[in-house]
Protein backbone atom coordinates (compact mmCIF):
# COMPACT_ATOMS: atom_id res chain seq x y z
CA UNK A 1 98.33 81.70 134.56
CA UNK A 2 101.72 80.07 135.15
CA UNK A 3 101.33 77.89 132.04
CA UNK A 4 101.92 80.95 129.84
CA UNK A 5 104.64 83.26 131.12
CA UNK A 6 104.56 86.84 129.83
CA UNK A 7 107.58 89.10 129.95
CA UNK A 8 107.90 92.50 128.31
CA UNK A 9 111.14 94.45 127.87
CA UNK A 10 112.68 96.73 125.24
CA UNK A 11 109.56 96.69 123.07
CA UNK A 12 109.39 92.87 123.00
CA UNK A 13 106.65 90.78 124.60
CA UNK A 14 107.80 87.18 125.15
CA UNK A 15 105.21 84.45 125.63
CA UNK A 16 106.75 81.29 127.08
CA UNK A 17 104.76 78.05 126.98
CA UNK A 18 105.50 76.78 130.48
CA UNK A 19 103.76 73.46 131.03
CA UNK A 20 106.69 71.14 130.68
CA UNK A 21 105.18 68.35 132.81
CA UNK A 22 102.47 68.04 130.13
CA UNK A 23 104.89 68.60 127.22
CA UNK A 24 103.60 72.16 126.85
CA UNK A 25 100.20 70.93 125.65
CA UNK A 26 97.58 73.66 125.36
CA UNK A 27 94.46 73.98 127.49
CA UNK A 28 91.56 76.30 126.70
CA UNK A 29 92.78 78.58 129.50
CA UNK A 30 96.19 78.81 127.82
CA UNK A 31 94.61 79.70 124.48
CA UNK A 32 92.67 82.41 126.25
CA UNK A 33 95.79 83.77 127.91
CA UNK A 34 97.70 83.97 124.62
CA UNK A 35 94.71 85.52 122.85
CA UNK A 36 94.45 88.19 125.54
CA UNK A 37 98.20 88.84 125.41
CA UNK A 38 98.13 89.28 121.62
CA UNK A 39 95.17 91.65 121.89
CA UNK A 40 97.06 93.66 124.50
CA UNK A 41 100.19 93.74 122.34
CA UNK A 42 98.18 94.93 119.35
CA UNK A 43 96.89 97.93 121.28
CA UNK A 44 99.95 98.77 123.38
CA UNK A 45 102.32 101.13 121.51
CA UNK A 46 105.15 100.08 123.83
CA UNK A 47 105.02 96.51 122.45
CA UNK A 48 106.44 96.28 118.95
CA UNK A 49 107.29 92.59 118.57
CA UNK A 50 105.99 89.36 120.10
CA UNK A 51 108.08 86.23 120.67
CA UNK A 52 106.53 82.79 121.24
CA UNK A 53 108.84 80.15 122.70
CA UNK A 54 108.77 76.85 124.54
CA UNK A 55 111.48 74.80 126.22
CA UNK A 56 114.70 73.56 124.62
CA UNK A 57 113.25 70.03 124.76
CA UNK A 58 109.68 70.67 123.53
CA UNK A 59 107.75 73.49 121.90
CA UNK A 60 104.23 72.05 122.29
CA UNK A 61 102.60 68.63 122.12
CA UNK A 62 99.41 70.28 120.80
CA UNK A 63 96.07 70.15 122.59
CA UNK A 64 95.80 68.70 126.06
CA UNK A 65 93.50 65.81 125.18
CA UNK A 66 91.80 65.55 128.59
CA UNK A 67 91.10 69.28 128.74
CA UNK A 68 90.04 69.23 125.10
CA UNK A 69 87.47 66.45 125.66
CA UNK A 70 86.09 68.13 128.77
CA UNK A 71 85.72 71.49 127.02
CA UNK A 72 85.12 70.63 123.38
CA UNK A 73 85.50 73.96 121.57
CA UNK A 74 82.85 75.11 119.14
CA UNK A 75 82.94 78.13 116.83
CA UNK A 76 79.39 78.98 117.87
CA UNK A 77 80.48 79.49 121.47
CA UNK A 78 83.54 81.46 120.37
CA UNK A 79 85.84 79.25 122.43
CA UNK A 80 89.25 80.62 123.49
CA UNK A 81 91.03 78.58 120.82
CA UNK A 82 89.12 80.40 118.07
CA UNK A 83 89.89 83.78 119.64
CA UNK A 84 93.53 82.75 119.65
CA UNK A 85 93.47 81.59 116.02
CA UNK A 86 91.85 84.78 114.76
CA UNK A 87 94.15 86.87 116.94
CA UNK A 88 97.40 85.35 115.74
CA UNK A 89 96.25 85.24 112.11
CA UNK A 90 95.36 88.94 112.07
CA UNK A 91 97.98 90.32 114.47
CA UNK A 92 99.40 93.48 112.87
CA UNK A 93 102.86 93.47 114.47
CA UNK A 94 105.76 91.05 113.91
CA UNK A 95 105.65 87.67 115.65
CA UNK A 96 108.75 85.50 115.97
CA UNK A 97 108.71 81.86 117.08
CA UNK A 98 111.54 79.89 118.67
CA UNK A 99 110.91 76.16 118.24
CA UNK A 100 112.80 73.28 119.83
CA UNK A 101 111.75 69.66 120.13
CA UNK A 102 108.28 68.39 119.15
CA UNK A 103 105.78 70.85 117.67
CA UNK A 104 102.55 68.88 117.28
CA UNK A 105 99.21 70.01 115.88
CA UNK A 106 98.66 73.61 116.91
CA UNK A 107 102.37 73.64 117.83
CA UNK A 108 103.06 73.52 114.09
CA UNK A 109 100.03 75.28 112.62
CA UNK A 110 100.45 78.44 114.71
CA UNK A 111 103.85 78.86 113.06
CA UNK A 112 102.22 79.58 109.70
CA UNK A 113 101.01 82.85 111.23
CA UNK A 114 104.40 83.88 112.58
CA UNK A 115 106.57 86.19 110.51
CA UNK A 116 109.87 84.58 111.44
CA UNK A 117 110.49 81.05 112.75
CA UNK A 118 113.80 79.76 114.08
CA UNK A 119 114.25 76.13 115.03
CA UNK A 120 116.60 74.02 117.04
CA UNK A 121 118.11 71.08 115.21
CA UNK A 122 115.99 68.85 117.48
CA UNK A 123 112.70 70.32 116.19
CA UNK A 124 110.10 67.89 114.85
CA UNK A 125 106.89 69.15 113.27
CA UNK A 126 103.66 67.20 112.78
CA UNK A 127 100.00 67.81 111.97
CA UNK A 128 98.30 64.48 112.82
CA UNK A 129 94.69 65.67 112.56
CA UNK A 130 93.54 62.91 110.19
CA UNK A 131 94.99 60.32 112.57
CA UNK A 132 92.57 61.64 115.20
CA UNK A 133 89.57 61.52 112.89
CA UNK A 134 89.67 65.30 112.51
CA UNK A 135 90.67 67.92 109.91
CA UNK A 136 93.36 70.62 109.82
CA UNK A 137 92.90 73.86 111.78
CA UNK A 138 94.42 77.35 112.03
CA UNK A 139 93.99 77.83 108.29
CA UNK A 140 96.57 75.13 107.64
CA UNK A 141 94.50 73.45 104.93
CA UNK A 142 95.06 76.66 102.94
CA UNK A 143 98.50 77.75 104.12
CA UNK A 144 100.34 74.41 104.05
CA UNK A 145 99.67 73.80 100.31
CA UNK A 146 100.59 77.41 99.56
CA UNK A 147 103.93 77.05 101.32
CA UNK A 148 104.87 73.45 100.60
CA UNK A 149 103.08 72.73 97.33
CA UNK A 150 100.16 70.35 97.12
CA UNK A 151 101.96 66.98 97.19
CA UNK A 152 104.18 67.80 100.15
CA UNK A 153 101.17 69.29 101.92
CA UNK A 154 99.21 66.10 101.24
CA UNK A 155 102.04 64.06 102.73
CA UNK A 156 102.10 66.25 105.84
CA UNK A 157 98.32 66.51 106.31
CA UNK A 158 97.01 63.16 105.04
CA UNK A 159 99.71 60.96 106.57
CA UNK A 160 100.26 63.23 109.57
CA UNK A 161 103.80 62.00 110.08
CA UNK A 162 106.55 64.15 111.63
CA UNK A 163 109.07 66.04 109.53
CA UNK A 164 112.31 67.35 110.94
CA UNK A 165 113.91 70.79 111.04
CA UNK A 166 115.86 70.33 107.80
CA UNK A 167 112.67 69.51 105.89
CA UNK A 168 110.93 72.49 107.47
CA UNK A 169 113.80 74.71 106.38
CA UNK A 170 113.63 73.32 102.84
CA UNK A 171 109.94 74.17 102.41
CA UNK A 172 110.27 77.60 104.04
CA UNK A 173 108.51 76.98 107.35
CA UNK A 174 111.62 77.96 109.31
CA UNK A 175 114.20 80.65 108.58
CA UNK A 176 117.23 79.05 110.20
CA UNK A 177 118.31 76.04 112.25
CA UNK A 178 120.65 76.42 115.21
CA UNK A 179 121.55 74.35 118.29
CA UNK A 180 118.58 74.20 120.71
CA UNK A 181 120.42 76.03 123.48
CA UNK A 182 120.97 79.00 121.17
CA UNK A 183 117.48 79.43 119.69
CA UNK A 184 115.81 81.54 122.37
CA UNK A 185 118.76 83.91 122.78
CA UNK A 186 119.07 84.37 119.02
CA UNK A 187 115.35 85.10 118.69
CA UNK A 188 115.51 87.66 121.50
CA UNK A 189 118.37 89.43 119.71
CA UNK A 190 116.41 89.49 116.45
CA UNK A 191 113.26 90.66 118.22
CA UNK A 192 115.09 93.61 119.72
CA UNK A 193 116.57 94.38 116.32
CA UNK A 194 113.06 94.48 114.86
CA UNK A 195 111.71 96.51 117.79
CA UNK A 196 114.28 99.22 117.06
CA UNK A 197 112.86 99.75 113.58
CA UNK A 198 109.99 102.17 112.76
CA UNK A 199 106.82 100.47 113.97
CA UNK A 200 104.62 102.03 111.28
CA UNK A 201 106.89 100.62 108.59
CA UNK A 202 106.83 97.16 110.17
CA UNK A 203 103.05 97.16 110.44
CA UNK A 204 102.45 98.44 106.92
CA UNK A 205 104.97 96.04 105.38
CA UNK A 206 103.34 93.08 107.12
CA UNK A 207 99.87 94.31 106.12
CA UNK A 208 100.86 94.61 102.48
CA UNK A 209 102.43 91.16 102.41
CA UNK A 210 99.34 89.54 103.95
CA UNK A 211 96.70 91.75 102.34
CA UNK A 212 95.88 89.38 99.50
CA UNK A 213 95.18 86.38 101.73
CA UNK A 214 93.97 87.70 105.10
CA UNK A 215 90.24 87.44 104.37
CA UNK A 216 90.73 84.02 102.83
CA UNK A 217 92.73 82.79 105.85
CA UNK A 218 90.09 83.96 108.32
CA UNK A 219 87.35 82.37 106.23
CA UNK A 220 89.33 79.11 106.08
CA UNK A 221 89.79 79.13 109.86
CA UNK A 222 86.03 79.51 110.27
CA UNK A 223 85.22 76.71 107.83
CA UNK A 224 87.82 74.41 109.36
CA UNK A 225 86.31 75.13 112.78
CA UNK A 226 82.85 74.09 111.65
CA UNK A 227 84.17 70.91 110.02
CA UNK A 228 86.41 70.12 113.00
CA UNK A 229 83.45 70.43 115.40
CA UNK A 230 81.32 68.13 113.23
CA UNK A 231 84.05 65.48 112.87
CA UNK A 232 84.66 65.62 116.61
CA UNK A 233 81.18 64.16 117.15
CA UNK A 234 81.65 61.30 114.69
CA UNK A 235 82.75 57.73 115.41
CA UNK A 236 86.29 57.99 114.01
CA UNK A 237 87.26 60.79 116.40
CA UNK A 238 85.61 59.02 119.32
CA UNK A 239 87.61 55.88 118.54
CA UNK A 240 90.83 57.86 118.17
CA UNK A 241 90.46 59.64 121.50
CA UNK A 242 89.31 56.53 123.32
CA UNK A 243 92.35 54.67 121.99
CA UNK A 244 94.61 57.53 123.04
CA UNK A 245 93.27 57.50 126.60
CA UNK A 246 93.49 53.69 126.70
CA UNK A 247 97.04 53.84 125.29
CA UNK A 248 96.32 51.55 122.33
CA UNK A 249 96.32 51.84 118.57
CA UNK A 250 92.97 53.04 117.18
CA UNK A 251 90.93 50.71 114.98
CA UNK A 252 89.28 52.62 112.15
CA UNK A 253 88.21 49.51 110.22
CA UNK A 254 84.56 49.94 111.21
CA UNK A 255 84.27 53.73 111.00
């Protein structure tokens, strides 16, 4: 799995999205690799912190559409993407994300499950699910309104238009903005700082902060998955994906 690079040192496991020729878009195999890595990190006492990073030019363009259409994920089959979503949502140890360039779809929604997020000043976030005839995923229909407030969440999720790093900082999605070439190094320094702290204290502090919403988040992920799978079979999604593959604007006037 060269599309997800895994490096562990000094108590920090770094997952690098490494599919730059496809703008770091996720395949089902990549979801599976990250899910397995998070499960390993959860059970390995030598791993205290996980870092997720992309390239200085792009974090992730979201799902690889061709792979996605060939292997349409369903909750019933427990597809790798759902293992990944449950794994990152319930991971007990700190997760830090370093985000530069576009973060589309899952590239944005996975960040709501990270404990710290640092962005390059070239970061651009978007959740264009409605534009594809679909619905939010990763618990974002719950977490985005909680973080941003309803009206900003509606703007982000109903319009699906990008918002830049400064807006993400304003609503609390990111902790700090730095030049893109500095993000990964800064995150590694912070990860090692966290890894030097008592692991039991880190785990218990994170558990207490998330205790009130964990069951609700996992339930929301499950419900979103069922709705997503249903919408994927309907005419609006079929038109959206056909238009994408044909490189034209979708026509939803008859759906």
